[in-house]
Protein backbone atom coordinates (compact mmCIF):
# COMPACT_ATOMS: atom_id res chain seq x y z
CA MET A 1 0.00 0.00 0.00
CA GLY A 2 2.77 2.46 0.84
CA ARG A 3 4.59 1.82 -2.42
CA GLU A 4 3.93 3.62 -5.66
CA ARG A 5 3.78 1.66 -8.89
CA ALA A 6 6.22 2.67 -11.59
CA GLY A 7 4.50 4.79 -14.21
CA ALA A 8 1.46 5.39 -11.99
CA GLY A 9 1.98 9.14 -11.99
CA GLY A 10 2.47 9.23 -8.23
CA PRO A 11 5.00 11.02 -6.04
CA ALA A 12 7.90 8.88 -7.25
CA ASP A 13 7.33 10.00 -10.84
CA PHE A 14 7.05 13.62 -9.73
CA ARG A 15 10.36 13.38 -7.84
CA ALA A 16 12.06 11.90 -10.90
CA TRP A 17 10.82 14.71 -13.14
CA ARG A 18 11.72 17.34 -10.56
CA GLY A 19 15.25 15.92 -10.26
CA PHE A 20 15.64 15.88 -14.03
CA SER A 21 14.39 19.47 -14.27
CA TYR A 22 16.73 20.75 -11.57
CA SER A 23 19.73 18.98 -13.02
CA SER A 24 18.93 20.33 -16.48
CA LEU A 25 18.75 23.84 -15.06
CA ASP A 26 21.87 23.51 -12.95
CA PHE A 27 24.16 21.87 -15.43
CA GLU A 28 22.96 22.92 -18.84
CA PHE A 29 20.72 25.97 -18.98
CA VAL A 30 22.40 28.08 -16.27
CA PRO A 31 25.98 27.59 -17.57
CA ASP A 32 24.76 28.22 -21.12
CA ALA A 33 23.00 31.41 -20.00
CA ILE A 34 26.15 32.62 -18.22
CA ASP A 35 28.24 31.88 -21.32
CA SER A 36 25.75 33.79 -23.48
CA ARG A 37 25.59 36.73 -21.06
CA LEU A 38 29.37 37.05 -20.68
CA GLY A 39 30.18 36.29 -24.31
CA THR A 40 32.72 33.56 -23.59
CA VAL A 41 32.03 31.88 -26.93
CA ASP A 42 32.93 35.03 -28.84
CA ALA A 43 35.90 35.91 -26.62
CA TRP A 44 37.45 32.45 -26.13
CA GLY A 45 35.83 30.36 -28.83
CA MET A 46 34.39 27.90 -26.32
CA TYR A 47 31.54 27.49 -23.84
CA PHE A 48 33.66 27.97 -20.71
CA PHE A 49 31.01 27.68 -17.98
CA PHE A 50 29.23 24.78 -19.69
CA THR A 51 32.55 22.93 -19.97
CA ALA A 52 33.40 23.75 -16.35
CA ALA A 53 30.05 22.34 -15.16
CA MET A 54 30.61 19.10 -17.08
CA LEU A 55 34.14 18.77 -15.70
CA PHE A 56 32.85 19.35 -12.18
CA ILE A 57 30.26 16.58 -12.58
CA ASN A 58 32.80 14.09 -13.94
CA ILE A 59 35.48 14.82 -11.34
CA HIS A 60 32.88 14.75 -8.55
CA HIS A 61 31.60 11.34 -9.70
CA TYR A 62 35.15 10.02 -9.96
CA PHE A 63 35.81 10.82 -6.29
CA ILE A 64 32.41 9.64 -5.09
CA ASP A 65 32.74 6.34 -6.96
CA ASN A 66 36.23 5.90 -5.55
CA VAL A 67 34.89 6.26 -2.00
CA VAL A 68 31.89 3.99 -2.62
CA TRP A 69 34.00 1.16 -4.04
CA ARG A 70 36.56 1.38 -1.25
CA PHE A 71 34.00 1.72 1.53
CA LYS A 72 33.90 -2.07 1.94
CA ASP A 73 37.49 -2.02 3.19
CA PRO A 74 37.34 -1.84 7.02
CA GLN A 75 40.38 0.45 7.24
CA VAL A 76 38.89 2.95 4.76
CA ARG A 77 35.49 2.77 6.47
CA ALA A 78 37.07 3.52 9.86
CA TYR A 79 38.93 6.50 8.40
CA LEU A 80 35.84 7.94 6.65
CA LEU A 81 33.45 7.46 9.56
CA GLY A 82 35.91 8.70 12.16
C-alpha cells in the first residue's frame, strides 16, 4: 500500500521529473546562460562555464565512486566514519 507503482503518476514519478528538471537547469541551462551573457564563446571560442560544469560533474563522480568502491574495506570505512 505504501509503495507507488512505476508509471502510476504518483510522487515517485514527480520526484524523478523534478530531479531531471533541476539537473537540467543547474548543469545545462544556467551555464549556457552565463556563457551567453558574458560572451565567452565570442571571446574564447568555447563554452567555458558549460565545460566547467561538465568537468565538475565528472570529477565529482570520480571521487564519489572511488569512496563507494573502497567503503567495503574496514580500514577505509574507519577513516571515513571517524
